[in-house]
Amino acid sequence: MRLLRGRVPAGVILERGERALATAPTRGGSHVTATTTALHIPAPEGGFTRVPWERVDQASWKDGWLHVQETSSGTEHHVRLTDPGSVPETVRERVTATIAVNHQARLPGGGKVRIAGRRPAIGGDVRWSFVFDADLDSDDPGLRAQAEQILEDLRRQTGL
Protein backbone atom coordinates (compact mmCIF):
# COMPACT_ATOMS: atom_id res chain seq x y z
CA MET A 1 0.00 0.00 0.00
CA ARG A 2 1.18 3.49 -0.78
CA LEU A 3 0.57 6.39 1.55
CA LEU A 4 -1.61 8.86 -0.31
CA ARG A 5 -0.67 12.15 1.39
CA GLY A 6 -3.19 14.08 -0.67
CA ARG A 7 -2.08 12.50 -3.96
CA VAL A 8 -4.46 10.50 -6.09
CA PRO A 9 -3.04 7.69 -8.22
CA ALA A 10 -2.75 8.50 -11.93
CA GLY A 11 -5.94 7.91 -13.91
CA VAL A 12 -8.33 7.98 -10.96
CA ILE A 13 -10.81 10.81 -11.34
CA LEU A 14 -12.44 11.91 -8.10
CA GLU A 15 -15.73 13.71 -7.75
CA ARG A 16 -15.95 16.98 -5.88
CA GLY A 17 -15.31 16.40 -2.16
CA GLU A 18 -14.15 12.81 -2.67
CA ARG A 19 -10.88 11.92 -0.94
CA ALA A 20 -8.61 8.92 -1.45
CA LEU A 21 -8.26 6.74 1.69
CA ALA A 22 -6.26 3.70 0.59
CA THR A 23 -4.73 2.31 -2.55
CA ALA A 24 -3.13 -1.00 -3.49
CA PRO A 25 -1.20 -2.15 -6.55
CA THR A 26 -2.69 -4.86 -8.75
CA ARG A 27 -0.98 -7.76 -10.41
CA GLY A 28 -1.65 -6.14 -13.80
CA GLY A 29 0.37 -3.05 -12.92
CA SER A 30 -2.58 -0.81 -12.09
CA HIS A 31 -4.13 -0.13 -8.68
CA VAL A 32 -7.37 -0.12 -6.70
CA THR A 33 -8.30 3.05 -4.85
CA ALA A 34 -10.78 3.25 -1.97
CA THR A 35 -12.14 6.75 -1.40
CA THR A 36 -14.61 8.37 0.94
CA THR A 37 -17.45 7.70 -1.52
CA ALA A 38 -16.45 4.90 -3.91
CA LEU A 39 -14.14 2.12 -4.95
CA HIS A 40 -12.13 2.73 -8.13
CA ILE A 41 -11.29 -0.57 -9.86
CA PRO A 42 -9.19 -1.04 -13.02
CA ALA A 43 -11.50 -1.54 -16.02
CA PRO A 44 -10.65 -4.30 -18.54
CA GLU A 45 -10.68 -1.77 -21.39
CA GLY A 46 -8.39 0.62 -19.50
CA GLY A 47 -9.12 3.41 -17.08
CA PHE A 48 -11.17 2.80 -13.97
CA THR A 49 -14.67 1.78 -12.99
CA ARG A 50 -16.10 3.87 -10.14
CA VAL A 51 -18.40 1.86 -7.85
CA PRO A 52 -20.10 3.97 -5.17
CA TRP A 53 -20.11 2.21 -1.79
CA GLU A 54 -23.91 1.97 -1.69
CA ARG A 55 -23.79 -0.04 -4.96
CA VAL A 56 -21.47 -2.70 -3.53
CA ASP A 57 -23.70 -5.66 -2.69
CA GLN A 58 -20.89 -7.94 -1.55
CA ALA A 59 -17.15 -7.62 -1.20
CA SER A 60 -14.68 -10.23 -0.03
CA TRP A 61 -10.95 -10.71 0.26
CA LYS A 62 -9.54 -14.18 -0.35
CA ASP A 63 -6.14 -15.53 -1.39
CA GLY A 64 -4.92 -12.16 -2.64
CA TRP A 65 -8.08 -11.40 -4.63
CA LEU A 66 -10.57 -8.63 -3.99
CA HIS A 67 -14.03 -9.76 -5.13
CA VAL A 68 -16.76 -7.13 -5.51
CA GLN A 69 -20.34 -7.64 -6.67
CA GLU A 70 -22.56 -4.69 -7.48
CA THR A 71 -26.21 -4.44 -6.46
CA SER A 72 -28.96 -4.57 -9.08
CA SER A 73 -26.73 -5.16 -12.13
CA GLY A 74 -24.91 -8.03 -10.44
CA THR A 75 -21.70 -6.99 -12.17
CA GLU A 76 -18.72 -8.72 -10.60
CA HIS A 77 -15.17 -7.40 -10.33
CA HIS A 78 -12.21 -9.63 -9.42
CA VAL A 79 -8.86 -7.94 -8.86
CA ARG A 80 -5.59 -9.50 -7.75
CA LEU A 81 -3.80 -7.19 -5.31
CA THR A 82 -0.05 -7.62 -4.87
CA ASP A 83 0.15 -5.62 -1.63
CA PRO A 84 -3.37 -5.08 -0.23
CA GLY A 85 -2.39 -2.85 2.68
CA SER A 86 -5.54 -1.42 4.26
CA VAL A 87 -7.73 -1.71 1.13
CA PRO A 88 -9.71 -4.83 2.29
CA GLU A 89 -10.45 -3.29 5.71
CA THR A 90 -11.36 0.07 4.15
CA VAL A 91 -13.74 -1.64 1.70
CA ARG A 92 -15.42 -3.57 4.54
CA GLU A 93 -15.80 -0.47 6.71
CA ARG A 94 -17.14 1.73 3.90
CA VAL A 95 -19.64 -0.83 2.61
CA THR A 96 -20.91 -1.58 6.13
CA ALA A 97 -21.33 2.13 6.86
CA THR A 98 -23.84 2.49 3.99
CA ILE A 99 -26.21 -0.25 5.20
CA ALA A 100 -29.39 1.12 6.74
CA VAL A 101 -31.44 -2.10 6.43
CA ASN A 102 -30.64 -5.64 5.33
CA HIS A 103 -33.69 -7.90 5.43
CA GLN A 104 -34.34 -11.37 4.04
CA ALA A 105 -37.95 -12.39 3.41
CA ARG A 106 -39.85 -15.40 2.08
CA LEU A 107 -41.95 -14.68 -0.98
CA PRO A 108 -45.57 -15.89 -0.97
CA GLY A 109 -45.00 -18.00 -4.11
CA GLY A 110 -41.82 -19.57 -2.74
CA GLY A 111 -38.22 -18.54 -2.64
CA LYS A 112 -36.57 -15.63 -0.88
CA VAL A 113 -35.60 -12.06 -1.56
CA ARG A 114 -33.02 -9.98 0.28
CA ILE A 115 -33.97 -6.34 0.52
CA ALA A 116 -31.16 -3.92 1.19
CA GLY A 117 -31.56 -0.26 2.04
CA ARG A 118 -28.33 1.63 1.52
CA ARG A 119 -27.54 5.27 2.24
CA PRO A 120 -24.99 6.99 -0.04
CA ALA A 121 -21.75 7.99 1.68
CA ILE A 122 -22.51 11.63 0.87
CA GLY A 123 -25.90 11.36 2.58
CA GLY A 124 -29.35 11.50 1.09
CA ASP A 125 -32.26 9.15 0.72
CA VAL A 126 -31.98 5.41 1.24
CA ARG A 127 -31.67 3.47 -2.01
CA TRP A 128 -33.34 0.09 -2.08
CA SER A 129 -32.33 -3.04 -3.95
CA PHE A 130 -33.70 -6.56 -4.28
CA VAL A 131 -31.55 -9.69 -4.51
CA PHE A 132 -33.67 -12.71 -5.40
CA ASP A 133 -32.70 -16.36 -4.92
CA ALA A 134 -30.62 -17.53 -7.89
CA ASP A 135 -33.38 -19.83 -9.17
CA LEU A 136 -35.94 -16.99 -9.34
CA ASP A 137 -36.45 -14.69 -12.33
CA SER A 138 -35.72 -11.19 -11.01
CA ASP A 139 -37.48 -9.70 -14.06
CA ASP A 140 -40.77 -11.49 -13.29
CA PRO A 141 -43.34 -8.72 -12.65
CA GLY A 142 -45.23 -10.89 -10.16
CA LEU A 143 -42.12 -11.50 -8.04
CA ARG A 144 -41.18 -7.82 -8.23
CA ALA A 145 -44.69 -6.87 -7.03
CA GLN A 146 -44.39 -9.28 -4.09
CA ALA A 147 -40.98 -7.85 -3.19
CA GLU A 148 -42.32 -4.29 -3.49
CA GLN A 149 -45.11 -5.13 -1.03
CA ILE A 150 -42.59 -6.53 1.44
CA LEU A 151 -40.51 -3.38 0.96
CA GLU A 152 -43.50 -1.14 1.71
CA ASP A 153 -44.13 -3.06 4.95
CA LEU A 154 -40.42 -2.81 5.82
CA ARG A 155 -40.40 0.94 5.16
CA ARG A 156 -43.40 1.42 7.47
CA GLN A 157 -41.69 -0.60 10.22
CA THR A 158 -38.37 1.22 9.95
CA GLY A 159 -39.59 4.72 9.10
CA LEU A 160 -37.31 4.80 6.08
C-alpha atoms as a PDB file:
ATOM      1  CA  MET A   1       0.000   0.000   0.000  1.00  0.00           C
ATOM      2  CA  ARG A   2       1.180   3.490  -0.777  1.00  0.00           C
ATOM      3  CA  LEU A   3       0.566   6.388   1.551  1.00  0.00           C
ATOM      4  CA  LEU A   4      -1.611   8.856  -0.306  1.00  0.00           C
ATOM      5  CA  ARG A   5      -0.670  12.145   1.392  1.00  0.00           C
ATOM      6  CA  GLY A   6      -3.193  14.076  -0.671  1.00  0.00           C
ATOM      7  CA  ARG A   7      -2.078  12.495  -3.965  1.00  0.00           C
ATOM      8  CA  VAL A   8      -4.455  10.501  -6.091  1.00  0.00           C
ATOM      9  CA  PRO A   9      -3.042   7.690  -8.218  1.00  0.00           C
ATOM     10  CA  ALA A  10      -2.754   8.500 -11.932  1.00  0.00           C
ATOM     11  CA  GLY A  11      -5.942   7.913 -13.914  1.00  0.00           C
ATOM     12  CA  VAL A  12      -8.329   7.978 -10.957  1.00  0.00           C
ATOM     13  CA  ILE A  13     -10.805  10.814 -11.340  1.00  0.00           C
ATOM     14  CA  LEU A  14     -12.437  11.914  -8.103  1.00  0.00           C
ATOM     15  CA  GLU A  15     -15.727  13.711  -7.748  1.00  0.00           C
ATOM     16  CA  ARG A  16     -15.952  16.979  -5.885  1.00  0.00           C
ATOM     17  CA  GLY A  17     -15.310  16.397  -2.162  1.00  0.00           C
ATOM     18  CA  GLU A  18     -14.146  12.810  -2.672  1.00  0.00           C
ATOM     19  CA  ARG A  19     -10.875  11.917  -0.936  1.00  0.00           C
ATOM     20  CA  ALA A  20      -8.613   8.917  -1.447  1.00  0.00           C
ATOM     21  CA  LEU A  21      -8.263   6.737   1.693  1.00  0.00           C
ATOM     22  CA  ALA A  22      -6.263   3.704   0.587  1.00  0.00           C
ATOM     23  CA  THR A  23      -4.729   2.305  -2.551  1.00  0.00           C
ATOM     24  CA  ALA A  24      -3.133  -1.000  -3.487  1.00  0.00           C
ATOM     25  CA  PRO A  25      -1.196  -2.150  -6.546  1.00  0.00           C
ATOM     26  CA  THR A  26      -2.692  -4.855  -8.750  1.00  0.00           C
ATOM     27  CA  ARG A  27      -0.983  -7.759 -10.414  1.00  0.00           C
ATOM     28  CA  GLY A  28      -1.648  -6.143 -13.803  1.00  0.00           C
ATOM     29  CA  GLY A  29       0.371  -3.046 -12.916  1.00  0.00           C
ATOM     30  CA  SER A  30      -2.584  -0.809 -12.090  1.00  0.00           C
ATOM     31  CA  HIS A  31      -4.125  -0.134  -8.684  1.00  0.00           C
ATOM     32  CA  VAL A  32      -7.371  -0.123  -6.703  1.00  0.00           C
ATOM     33  CA  THR A  33      -8.304   3.048  -4.854  1.00  0.00           C
ATOM     34  CA  ALA A  34     -10.777   3.253  -1.973  1.00  0.00           C
ATOM     35  CA  THR A  35     -12.144   6.751  -1.405  1.00  0.00           C
ATOM     36  CA  THR A  36     -14.612   8.366   0.936  1.00  0.00           C
ATOM     37  CA  THR A  37     -17.455   7.698  -1.521  1.00  0.00           C
ATOM     38  CA  ALA A  38     -16.446   4.897  -3.912  1.00  0.00           C
ATOM     39  CA  LEU A  39     -14.138   2.115  -4.949  1.00  0.00           C
ATOM     40  CA  HIS A  40     -12.132   2.726  -8.135  1.00  0.00           C
ATOM     41  CA  ILE A  41     -11.292  -0.572  -9.862  1.00  0.00           C
ATOM     42  CA  PRO A  42      -9.193  -1.036 -13.022  1.00  0.00           C
ATOM     43  CA  ALA A  43     -11.498  -1.540 -16.022  1.00  0.00           C
ATOM     44  CA  PRO A  44     -10.648  -4.295 -18.541  1.00  0.00           C
ATOM     45  CA  GLU A  45     -10.676  -1.766 -21.393  1.00  0.00           C
ATOM     46  CA  GLY A  46      -8.388   0.622 -19.500  1.00  0.00           C
ATOM     47  CA  GLY A  47      -9.122   3.413 -17.079  1.00  0.00           C
ATOM     48  CA  PHE A  48     -11.175   2.798 -13.968  1.00  0.00           C
ATOM     49  CA  THR A  49     -14.672   1.783 -12.992  1.00  0.00           C
ATOM     50  CA  ARG A  50     -16.098   3.867 -10.141  1.00  0.00           C
ATOM     51  CA  VAL A  51     -18.396   1.858  -7.851  1.00  0.00           C
ATOM     52  CA  PRO A  52     -20.104   3.971  -5.171  1.00  0.00           C
ATOM     53  CA  TRP A  53     -20.114   2.209  -1.791  1.00  0.00           C
ATOM     54  CA  GLU A  54     -23.914   1.970  -1.695  1.00  0.00           C
ATOM     55  CA  ARG A  55     -23.793  -0.040  -4.959  1.00  0.00           C
ATOM     56  CA  VAL A  56     -21.472  -2.704  -3.527  1.00  0.00           C
ATOM     57  CA  ASP A  57     -23.704  -5.658  -2.690  1.00  0.00           C
ATOM     58  CA  GLN A  58     -20.895  -7.941  -1.552  1.00  0.00           C
ATOM     59  CA  ALA A  59     -17.150  -7.621  -1.197  1.00  0.00           C
ATOM     60  CA  SER A  60     -14.680 -10.225  -0.028  1.00  0.00           C
ATOM     61  CA  TRP A  61     -10.950 -10.706   0.258  1.00  0.00           C
ATOM     62  CA  LYS A  62      -9.536 -14.182  -0.348  1.00  0.00           C
ATOM     63  CA  ASP A  63      -6.139 -15.535  -1.392  1.00  0.00           C
ATOM     64  CA  GLY A  64      -4.924 -12.164  -2.640  1.00  0.00           C
ATOM     65  CA  TRP A  65      -8.077 -11.405  -4.625  1.00  0.00           C
ATOM     66  CA  LEU A  66     -10.570  -8.635  -3.992  1.00  0.00           C
ATOM     67  CA  HIS A  67     -14.033  -9.764  -5.134  1.00  0.00           C
ATOM     68  CA  VAL A  68     -16.758  -7.128  -5.510  1.00  0.00           C
ATOM     69  CA  GLN A  69     -20.341  -7.640  -6.668  1.00  0.00           C
ATOM     70  CA  GLU A  70     -22.562  -4.692  -7.481  1.00  0.00           C
ATOM     71  CA  THR A  71     -26.212  -4.438  -6.456  1.00  0.00           C
ATOM     72  CA  SER A  72     -28.963  -4.567  -9.082  1.00  0.00           C
ATOM     73  CA  SER A  73     -26.728  -5.158 -12.127  1.00  0.00           C
ATOM     74  CA  GLY A  74     -24.914  -8.032 -10.441  1.00  0.00           C
ATOM     75  CA  THR A  75     -21.701  -6.990 -12.174  1.00  0.00           C
ATOM     76  CA  GLU A  76     -18.715  -8.716 -10.600  1.00  0.00           C
ATOM     77  CA  HIS A  77     -15.169  -7.402 -10.334  1.00  0.00           C
ATOM     78  CA  HIS A  78     -12.211  -9.629  -9.417  1.00  0.00           C
ATOM     79  CA  VAL A  79      -8.861  -7.938  -8.861  1.00  0.00           C
ATOM     80  CA  ARG A  80      -5.586  -9.501  -7.746  1.00  0.00           C
ATOM     81  CA  LEU A  81      -3.800  -7.187  -5.305  1.00  0.00           C
ATOM     82  CA  THR A  82      -0.053  -7.615  -4.873  1.00  0.00           C
ATOM     83  CA  ASP A  83       0.149  -5.615  -1.629  1.00  0.00           C
ATOM     84  CA  PRO A  84      -3.370  -5.079  -0.226  1.00  0.00           C
ATOM     85  CA  GLY A  85      -2.389  -2.850   2.677  1.00  0.00           C
ATOM     86  CA  SER A  86      -5.536  -1.424   4.262  1.00  0.00           C
ATOM     87  CA  VAL A  87      -7.733  -1.714   1.134  1.00  0.00           C
ATOM     88  CA  PRO A  88      -9.706  -4.828   2.289  1.00  0.00           C
ATOM     89  CA  GLU A  89     -10.450  -3.286   5.712  1.00  0.00           C
ATOM     90  CA  THR A  90     -11.360   0.071   4.151  1.00  0.00           C
ATOM     91  CA  VAL A  91     -13.741  -1.637   1.704  1.00  0.00           C
ATOM     92  CA  ARG A  92     -15.421  -3.574   4.536  1.00  0.00           C
ATOM     93  CA  GLU A  93     -15.803  -0.466   6.711  1.00  0.00           C
ATOM     94  CA  ARG A  94     -17.136   1.726   3.899  1.00  0.00           C
ATOM     95  CA  VAL A  95     -19.644  -0.827   2.614  1.00  0.00           C
ATOM     96  CA  THR A  96     -20.913  -1.581   6.131  1.00  0.00           C
ATOM     97  CA  ALA A  97     -21.334   2.134   6.857  1.00  0.00           C
ATOM     98  CA  THR A  98     -23.837   2.491   3.992  1.00  0.00           C
ATOM     99  CA  ILE A  99     -26.211  -0.250   5.202  1.00  0.00           C
ATOM    100  CA  ALA A 100     -29.389   1.116   6.738  1.00  0.00           C
ATOM    101  CA  VAL A 101     -31.445  -2.098   6.429  1.00  0.00           C
ATOM    102  CA  ASN A 102     -30.636  -5.644   5.329  1.00  0.00           C
ATOM    103  CA  HIS A 103     -33.689  -7.903   5.430  1.00  0.00           C
ATOM    104  CA  GLN A 104     -34.343 -11.372   4.036  1.00  0.00           C
ATOM    105  CA  ALA A 105     -37.954 -12.388   3.410  1.00  0.00           C
ATOM    106  CA  ARG A 106     -39.854 -15.399   2.080  1.00  0.00           C
ATOM    107  CA  LEU A 107     -41.952 -14.676  -0.985  1.00  0.00           C
ATOM    108  CA  PRO A 108     -45.574 -15.887  -0.974  1.00  0.00           C
ATOM    109  CA  GLY A 109     -44.996 -17.996  -4.106  1.00  0.00           C
ATOM    110  CA  GLY A 110     -41.816 -19.571  -2.738  1.00  0.00           C
ATOM    111  CA  GLY A 111     -38.216 -18.543  -2.643  1.00  0.00           C
ATOM    112  CA  LYS A 112     -36.575 -15.627  -0.883  1.00  0.00           C
ATOM    113  CA  VAL A 113     -35.595 -12.062  -1.557  1.00  0.00           C
ATOM    114  CA  ARG A 114     -33.018  -9.983   0.283  1.00  0.00           C
ATOM    115  CA  ILE A 115     -33.970  -6.337   0.523  1.00  0.00           C
ATOM    116  CA  ALA A 116     -31.163  -3.918   1.195  1.00  0.00           C
ATOM    117  CA  GLY A 117     -31.565  -0.261   2.045  1.00  0.00           C
ATOM    118  CA  ARG A 118     -28.329   1.634   1.524  1.00  0.00           C
ATOM    119  CA  ARG A 119     -27.540   5.267   2.243  1.00  0.00           C
ATOM    120  CA  PRO A 120     -24.993   6.989  -0.045  1.00  0.00           C
ATOM    121  CA  ALA A 121     -21.746   7.991   1.675  1.00  0.00           C
ATOM    122  CA  ILE A 122     -22.512  11.627   0.873  1.00  0.00           C
ATOM    123  CA  GLY A 123     -25.904  11.364   2.584  1.00  0.00           C
ATOM    124  CA  GLY A 124     -29.352  11.496   1.088  1.00  0.00           C
ATOM    125  CA  ASP A 125     -32.259   9.151   0.723  1.00  0.00           C
ATOM    126  CA  VAL A 126     -31.976   5.410   1.243  1.00  0.00           C
ATOM    127  CA  ARG A 127     -31.674   3.472  -2.009  1.00  0.00           C
ATOM    128  CA  TRP A 128     -33.341   0.088  -2.076  1.00  0.00           C
ATOM    129  CA  SER A 129     -32.328  -3.044  -3.952  1.00  0.00           C
ATOM    130  CA  PHE A 130     -33.698  -6.564  -4.283  1.00  0.00           C
ATOM    131  CA  VAL A 131     -31.551  -9.690  -4.513  1.00  0.00           C
ATOM    132  CA  PHE A 132     -33.671 -12.712  -5.399  1.00  0.00           C
ATOM    133  CA  ASP A 133     -32.695 -16.359  -4.922  1.00  0.00           C
ATOM    134  CA  ALA A 134     -30.617 -17.527  -7.895  1.00  0.00           C
ATOM    135  CA  ASP A 135     -33.380 -19.831  -9.170  1.00  0.00           C
ATOM    136  CA  LEU A 136     -35.938 -16.988  -9.341  1.00  0.00           C
ATOM    137  CA  ASP A 137     -36.451 -14.688 -12.332  1.00  0.00           C
ATOM    138  CA  SER A 138     -35.716 -11.190 -11.007  1.00  0.00           C
ATOM    139  CA  ASP A 139     -37.485  -9.705 -14.060  1.00  0.00           C
ATOM    140  CA  ASP A 140     -40.775 -11.486 -13.286  1.00  0.00           C
ATOM    141  CA  PRO A 141     -43.343  -8.717 -12.646  1.00  0.00           C
ATOM    142  CA  GLY A 142     -45.226 -10.891 -10.156  1.00  0.00           C
ATOM    143  CA  LEU A 143     -42.119 -11.505  -8.043  1.00  0.00           C
ATOM    144  CA  ARG A 144     -41.177  -7.824  -8.229  1.00  0.00           C
ATOM    145  CA  ALA A 145     -44.687  -6.875  -7.032  1.00  0.00           C
ATOM    146  CA  GLN A 146     -44.385  -9.280  -4.086  1.00  0.00           C
ATOM    147  CA  ALA A 147     -40.977  -7.849  -3.194  1.00  0.00           C
ATOM    148  CA  GLU A 148     -42.317  -4.287  -3.494  1.00  0.00           C
ATOM    149  CA  GLN A 149     -45.107  -5.127  -1.031  1.00  0.00           C
ATOM    150  CA  ILE A 150     -42.589  -6.534   1.444  1.00  0.00           C
ATOM    151  CA  LEU A 151     -40.506  -3.378   0.960  1.00  0.00           C
ATOM    152  CA  GLU A 152     -43.500  -1.143   1.715  1.00  0.00           C
ATOM    153  CA  ASP A 153     -44.135  -3.058   4.954  1.00  0.00           C
ATOM    154  CA  LEU A 154     -40.424  -2.807   5.818  1.00  0.00           C
ATOM    155  CA  ARG A 155     -40.402   0.943   5.161  1.00  0.00           C
ATOM    156  CA  ARG A 156     -43.398   1.422   7.474  1.00  0.00           C
ATOM    157  CA  GLN A 157     -41.689  -0.602  10.221  1.00  0.00           C
ATOM    158  CA  THR A 158     -38.370   1.224   9.951  1.00  0.00           C
ATOM    159  CA  GLY A 159     -39.592   4.717   9.095  1.00  0.00           C
ATOM    160  CA  LEU A 160     -37.309   4.804   6.076  1.00  0.00           C
END
